[in-house]
N, C-alpha and C. Protein backbone atom coordinates (compact mmCIF):
# COMPACT_ATOMS: atom_id res chain seq x y z
N MET A 1 32.14 2.01 13.76
CA MET A 1 30.81 1.98 14.31
C MET A 1 30.42 0.52 14.48
N GLU A 2 29.92 0.21 15.65
CA GLU A 2 29.48 -1.16 15.91
C GLU A 2 28.13 -1.12 16.61
N ILE A 3 27.20 -1.90 16.09
CA ILE A 3 25.87 -2.05 16.67
C ILE A 3 25.64 -3.54 16.85
N ARG A 4 25.34 -3.95 18.08
CA ARG A 4 25.14 -5.38 18.36
C ARG A 4 23.74 -5.64 18.90
N GLU A 5 23.02 -6.47 18.19
CA GLU A 5 21.69 -6.91 18.60
C GLU A 5 20.84 -5.77 19.14
N ALA A 6 20.86 -4.66 18.43
CA ALA A 6 20.05 -3.50 18.80
C ALA A 6 18.73 -3.54 18.04
N THR A 7 17.68 -3.04 18.65
CA THR A 7 16.43 -2.92 17.93
C THR A 7 16.58 -1.85 16.86
N LEU A 8 15.69 -1.87 15.90
CA LEU A 8 15.72 -0.85 14.85
C LEU A 8 15.62 0.54 15.48
N ASP A 9 14.73 0.70 16.46
CA ASP A 9 14.61 2.00 17.15
C ASP A 9 15.95 2.44 17.73
N SER A 10 16.63 1.54 18.43
CA SER A 10 17.91 1.87 19.06
C SER A 10 18.99 2.17 18.02
N ALA A 11 19.03 1.38 16.96
CA ALA A 11 20.04 1.58 15.92
C ALA A 11 19.84 2.93 15.23
N LEU A 12 18.59 3.30 14.96
CA LEU A 12 18.32 4.59 14.33
C LEU A 12 18.67 5.74 15.25
N GLU A 13 18.38 5.58 16.54
CA GLU A 13 18.73 6.64 17.50
C GLU A 13 20.25 6.80 17.58
N TYR A 14 20.98 5.69 17.57
CA TYR A 14 22.44 5.75 17.60
C TYR A 14 22.96 6.47 16.35
N LEU A 15 22.44 6.09 15.17
CA LEU A 15 22.87 6.75 13.94
C LEU A 15 22.52 8.23 13.95
N ARG A 16 21.34 8.56 14.45
CA ARG A 16 20.92 9.96 14.53
C ARG A 16 21.92 10.76 15.37
N GLN A 17 22.30 10.21 16.52
CA GLN A 17 23.25 10.89 17.39
C GLN A 17 24.61 11.05 16.72
N GLN A 18 25.06 10.01 16.02
CA GLN A 18 26.35 10.07 15.34
C GLN A 18 26.35 11.11 14.22
N ILE A 19 25.24 11.19 13.49
CA ILE A 19 25.14 12.15 12.39
C ILE A 19 25.12 13.58 12.94
N ILE A 20 24.37 13.80 14.01
CA ILE A 20 24.32 15.13 14.63
C ILE A 20 25.70 15.50 15.16
N LYS A 21 26.38 14.55 15.79
CA LYS A 21 27.72 14.80 16.31
C LYS A 21 28.69 15.16 15.18
N ALA A 22 28.60 14.42 14.06
CA ALA A 22 29.49 14.68 12.93
C ALA A 22 29.24 16.05 12.31
N SER A 23 28.02 16.57 12.46
CA SER A 23 27.70 17.89 11.90
C SER A 23 27.93 19.00 12.93
N ASP A 24 28.58 18.66 14.05
CA ASP A 24 28.81 19.63 15.13
C ASP A 24 27.51 20.26 15.62
N GLY A 25 26.46 19.45 15.62
CA GLY A 25 25.17 19.91 16.12
C GLY A 25 24.39 20.77 15.14
N GLY A 26 24.93 20.96 13.95
CA GLY A 26 24.27 21.80 12.95
C GLY A 26 23.09 21.14 12.28
N LEU A 27 22.98 19.84 12.40
CA LEU A 27 21.90 19.10 11.75
C LEU A 27 20.94 18.58 12.80
N LYS A 28 19.68 18.79 12.59
CA LYS A 28 18.64 18.22 13.43
C LYS A 28 17.93 17.18 12.59
N LEU A 29 18.14 15.92 12.91
CA LEU A 29 17.66 14.81 12.09
C LEU A 29 16.53 14.09 12.81
N SER A 30 15.47 13.79 12.07
CA SER A 30 14.33 13.05 12.63
C SER A 30 14.00 11.87 11.75
N PHE A 31 13.62 10.77 12.37
CA PHE A 31 13.12 9.61 11.67
C PHE A 31 11.63 9.49 11.98
N VAL A 32 10.84 9.22 10.96
CA VAL A 32 9.41 8.98 11.13
C VAL A 32 9.16 7.55 10.68
N LEU A 33 8.74 6.70 11.62
CA LEU A 33 8.50 5.29 11.31
C LEU A 33 7.02 5.07 11.06
N GLN A 34 6.69 4.44 9.92
CA GLN A 34 5.31 4.09 9.65
C GLN A 34 4.85 3.06 10.67
N ALA A 35 3.56 3.01 10.90
CA ALA A 35 2.99 2.14 11.93
C ALA A 35 3.29 0.66 11.69
N ASP A 36 3.41 0.24 10.44
CA ASP A 36 3.62 -1.18 10.16
C ASP A 36 5.09 -1.59 10.10
N VAL A 37 5.99 -0.73 10.54
CA VAL A 37 7.42 -1.07 10.61
C VAL A 37 7.69 -1.84 11.91
N ASN A 38 8.47 -2.91 11.80
CA ASN A 38 8.84 -3.71 12.96
C ASN A 38 9.97 -3.01 13.71
N ARG A 39 9.60 -2.24 14.71
CA ARG A 39 10.58 -1.46 15.49
C ARG A 39 11.52 -2.35 16.30
N SER A 40 11.13 -3.57 16.56
CA SER A 40 11.95 -4.46 17.38
C SER A 40 12.85 -5.37 16.56
N ALA A 41 12.90 -5.18 15.24
CA ALA A 41 13.81 -5.96 14.40
C ALA A 41 15.24 -5.75 14.91
N LEU A 42 15.99 -6.83 15.04
CA LEU A 42 17.36 -6.74 15.58
C LEU A 42 18.38 -6.48 14.48
N VAL A 43 19.35 -5.64 14.82
CA VAL A 43 20.39 -5.23 13.88
C VAL A 43 21.75 -5.43 14.54
N THR A 44 22.66 -6.08 13.82
CA THR A 44 24.04 -6.23 14.27
C THR A 44 24.94 -5.92 13.08
N LEU A 45 25.85 -4.98 13.23
CA LEU A 45 26.81 -4.69 12.17
C LEU A 45 28.01 -3.96 12.74
N ARG A 46 29.10 -4.08 12.02
CA ARG A 46 30.34 -3.37 12.36
C ARG A 46 30.85 -2.73 11.08
N LEU A 47 31.04 -1.43 11.12
CA LEU A 47 31.48 -0.68 9.95
C LEU A 47 32.64 0.21 10.32
N ASN A 48 33.58 0.33 9.39
CA ASN A 48 34.71 1.23 9.57
C ASN A 48 34.77 2.21 8.42
N ASP A 49 34.86 3.50 8.76
CA ASP A 49 35.06 4.54 7.76
C ASP A 49 34.03 4.47 6.63
N VAL A 50 32.75 4.43 7.02
CA VAL A 50 31.66 4.35 6.07
C VAL A 50 30.80 5.61 6.20
N PRO A 51 30.43 6.24 5.09
CA PRO A 51 29.56 7.41 5.18
C PRO A 51 28.25 7.07 5.89
N SER A 52 27.69 8.04 6.54
CA SER A 52 26.47 7.83 7.31
C SER A 52 25.32 7.31 6.47
N TRP A 53 25.21 7.80 5.23
CA TRP A 53 24.12 7.33 4.38
C TRP A 53 24.25 5.83 4.11
N ASP A 54 25.47 5.34 3.91
CA ASP A 54 25.67 3.90 3.69
C ASP A 54 25.34 3.12 4.96
N ALA A 55 25.75 3.63 6.11
CA ALA A 55 25.43 2.96 7.38
C ALA A 55 23.93 2.86 7.55
N LEU A 56 23.23 3.91 7.23
CA LEU A 56 21.77 3.91 7.32
C LEU A 56 21.17 2.88 6.37
N ARG A 57 21.70 2.81 5.17
CA ARG A 57 21.22 1.84 4.17
C ARG A 57 21.43 0.41 4.67
N TYR A 58 22.59 0.14 5.27
CA TYR A 58 22.86 -1.20 5.80
C TYR A 58 21.91 -1.55 6.93
N VAL A 59 21.65 -0.61 7.82
CA VAL A 59 20.70 -0.85 8.91
C VAL A 59 19.33 -1.18 8.31
N GLY A 60 18.94 -0.44 7.29
CA GLY A 60 17.67 -0.70 6.64
C GLY A 60 17.59 -2.09 6.02
N GLN A 61 18.66 -2.51 5.37
CA GLN A 61 18.68 -3.85 4.78
C GLN A 61 18.56 -4.92 5.85
N LEU A 62 19.27 -4.77 6.94
CA LEU A 62 19.24 -5.76 8.01
C LEU A 62 17.89 -5.80 8.72
N ALA A 63 17.23 -4.67 8.84
CA ALA A 63 15.94 -4.59 9.54
C ALA A 63 14.76 -4.80 8.60
N GLY A 64 15.01 -4.88 7.31
CA GLY A 64 13.93 -5.09 6.35
C GLY A 64 13.06 -3.86 6.14
N VAL A 65 13.70 -2.67 6.12
CA VAL A 65 12.96 -1.43 5.89
C VAL A 65 13.65 -0.62 4.79
N GLN A 66 12.93 0.35 4.28
CA GLN A 66 13.48 1.28 3.31
C GLN A 66 13.30 2.70 3.85
N PHE A 67 14.09 3.61 3.32
CA PHE A 67 14.06 5.00 3.76
C PHE A 67 13.70 5.91 2.60
N THR A 68 12.92 6.91 2.91
CA THR A 68 12.61 7.96 1.96
C THR A 68 13.03 9.27 2.62
N VAL A 69 13.91 10.00 1.96
CA VAL A 69 14.40 11.27 2.51
C VAL A 69 13.42 12.36 2.12
N ASP A 70 12.88 13.00 3.12
CA ASP A 70 11.94 14.10 2.95
C ASP A 70 12.65 15.39 3.35
N GLN A 71 12.02 16.50 3.14
CA GLN A 71 12.62 17.78 3.48
C GLN A 71 12.83 17.92 4.99
N ASP A 72 11.91 17.37 5.78
CA ASP A 72 11.96 17.56 7.22
C ASP A 72 12.38 16.33 8.01
N ALA A 73 12.36 15.16 7.40
CA ALA A 73 12.64 13.93 8.14
C ALA A 73 12.97 12.81 7.16
N ILE A 74 13.37 11.68 7.74
CA ILE A 74 13.59 10.47 6.96
C ILE A 74 12.48 9.51 7.32
N LEU A 75 11.67 9.14 6.33
CA LEU A 75 10.55 8.23 6.53
C LEU A 75 11.07 6.80 6.48
N VAL A 76 10.71 6.00 7.49
CA VAL A 76 11.10 4.60 7.55
C VAL A 76 9.85 3.79 7.25
N ARG A 77 9.92 2.93 6.23
CA ARG A 77 8.74 2.19 5.80
C ARG A 77 9.12 0.77 5.41
N PRO A 78 8.13 -0.12 5.35
CA PRO A 78 8.41 -1.47 4.87
C PRO A 78 8.85 -1.39 3.41
N PRO A 79 9.56 -2.40 2.94
CA PRO A 79 10.02 -2.37 1.54
C PRO A 79 8.85 -2.41 0.57
N VAL A 80 9.03 -1.77 -0.56
CA VAL A 80 8.04 -1.78 -1.62
C VAL A 80 8.17 -3.11 -2.37
N PRO A 81 7.05 -3.81 -2.61
CA PRO A 81 7.13 -5.09 -3.33
C PRO A 81 7.72 -4.89 -4.73
N GLY A 82 8.41 -5.89 -5.19
CA GLY A 82 9.00 -5.85 -6.53
C GLY A 82 10.47 -6.17 -6.48
N PRO A 83 11.09 -6.30 -7.64
CA PRO A 83 12.51 -6.65 -7.67
C PRO A 83 13.36 -5.49 -7.18
N PRO A 84 14.50 -5.81 -6.55
CA PRO A 84 15.40 -4.73 -6.16
C PRO A 84 15.91 -4.00 -7.39
N VAL A 85 16.30 -2.76 -7.21
CA VAL A 85 16.75 -1.94 -8.33
C VAL A 85 17.92 -2.60 -9.05
N SER A 86 18.81 -3.24 -8.32
CA SER A 86 19.98 -3.85 -8.94
C SER A 86 19.61 -5.03 -9.83
N ALA A 87 18.36 -5.56 -9.71
CA ALA A 87 17.95 -6.70 -10.52
C ALA A 87 17.27 -6.28 -11.81
N VAL A 88 17.08 -5.00 -12.03
CA VAL A 88 16.42 -4.53 -13.25
C VAL A 88 17.36 -4.74 -14.42
N LYS A 89 16.86 -5.36 -15.48
CA LYS A 89 17.69 -5.63 -16.66
C LYS A 89 17.82 -4.36 -17.49
N LEU A 90 19.05 -4.04 -17.84
CA LEU A 90 19.32 -2.87 -18.67
C LEU A 90 19.29 -3.28 -20.14
N PRO A 91 18.95 -2.36 -21.03
CA PRO A 91 18.90 -2.68 -22.45
C PRO A 91 20.29 -3.02 -22.99
N ASP A 92 20.31 -3.90 -23.99
CA ASP A 92 21.58 -4.33 -24.60
C ASP A 92 21.88 -3.55 -25.88
N ASP A 93 21.26 -2.39 -26.04
CA ASP A 93 21.39 -1.65 -27.29
C ASP A 93 22.47 -0.57 -27.24
N GLY A 94 23.37 -0.66 -26.27
CA GLY A 94 24.43 0.33 -26.18
C GLY A 94 24.02 1.55 -25.37
N GLU A 95 22.77 1.63 -24.97
CA GLU A 95 22.29 2.78 -24.21
C GLU A 95 22.50 2.59 -22.70
N ALA A 96 23.01 1.44 -22.30
CA ALA A 96 23.17 1.17 -20.87
C ALA A 96 24.10 2.18 -20.20
N SER A 97 24.98 2.81 -20.96
CA SER A 97 25.89 3.78 -20.36
C SER A 97 25.15 5.00 -19.82
N ASN A 98 23.88 5.18 -20.23
CA ASN A 98 23.09 6.30 -19.73
C ASN A 98 22.48 6.01 -18.37
N PHE A 99 22.55 4.78 -17.92
CA PHE A 99 21.97 4.40 -16.64
C PHE A 99 23.03 4.47 -15.55
N VAL A 100 22.62 4.84 -14.36
CA VAL A 100 23.53 4.93 -13.22
C VAL A 100 23.16 3.82 -12.26
N SER A 101 24.15 3.06 -11.83
CA SER A 101 23.86 2.00 -10.87
C SER A 101 23.55 2.63 -9.52
N PRO A 102 22.72 1.96 -8.69
CA PRO A 102 22.36 2.53 -7.39
C PRO A 102 23.58 2.83 -6.51
N SER A 103 24.65 2.06 -6.66
CA SER A 103 25.82 2.29 -5.82
C SER A 103 26.57 3.57 -6.21
N GLU A 104 26.29 4.10 -7.41
CA GLU A 104 26.96 5.31 -7.86
C GLU A 104 26.20 6.58 -7.45
N VAL A 105 24.99 6.41 -6.95
CA VAL A 105 24.18 7.57 -6.57
C VAL A 105 24.51 7.93 -5.14
N PRO A 106 25.03 9.12 -4.90
CA PRO A 106 25.38 9.50 -3.52
C PRO A 106 24.13 9.76 -2.70
N GLY A 107 24.23 9.56 -1.42
CA GLY A 107 23.14 9.90 -0.52
C GLY A 107 23.08 11.40 -0.36
N PRO A 108 22.08 11.85 0.35
CA PRO A 108 21.99 13.29 0.60
C PRO A 108 23.27 13.78 1.27
N PRO A 109 23.77 14.95 0.90
CA PRO A 109 25.05 15.43 1.42
C PRO A 109 25.08 15.57 2.94
N TYR A 110 23.93 15.84 3.56
CA TYR A 110 23.95 16.01 5.01
C TYR A 110 24.06 14.69 5.74
N LEU A 111 24.00 13.57 5.03
CA LEU A 111 24.16 12.27 5.68
C LEU A 111 25.53 11.67 5.41
N GLN A 112 26.41 12.38 4.75
CA GLN A 112 27.71 11.82 4.43
C GLN A 112 28.75 12.28 5.42
């Protein structure tokens, strides 16, 4: 998959089409963009053999947006202020094994 200097709107539409195609048309996917999202943010990336959820996450990182998966659609919104999840300090008391890193959490199955 390659996206070159595409707007966020165009990149999301391309991903939507690819996801629908991969599901043999069985999935109807919608994105809902909040009003304060920069739809014209440019995205360029090249990915090989990457699950759709990861591709979507990369597009979000490049465009400066976050996604919330809802029952009927994927909400596209500006990032929530605060440190990224990967920057949260885990306790040093041996309980860290109970925590799951964000990279270990799979995306919704219909996006893979």
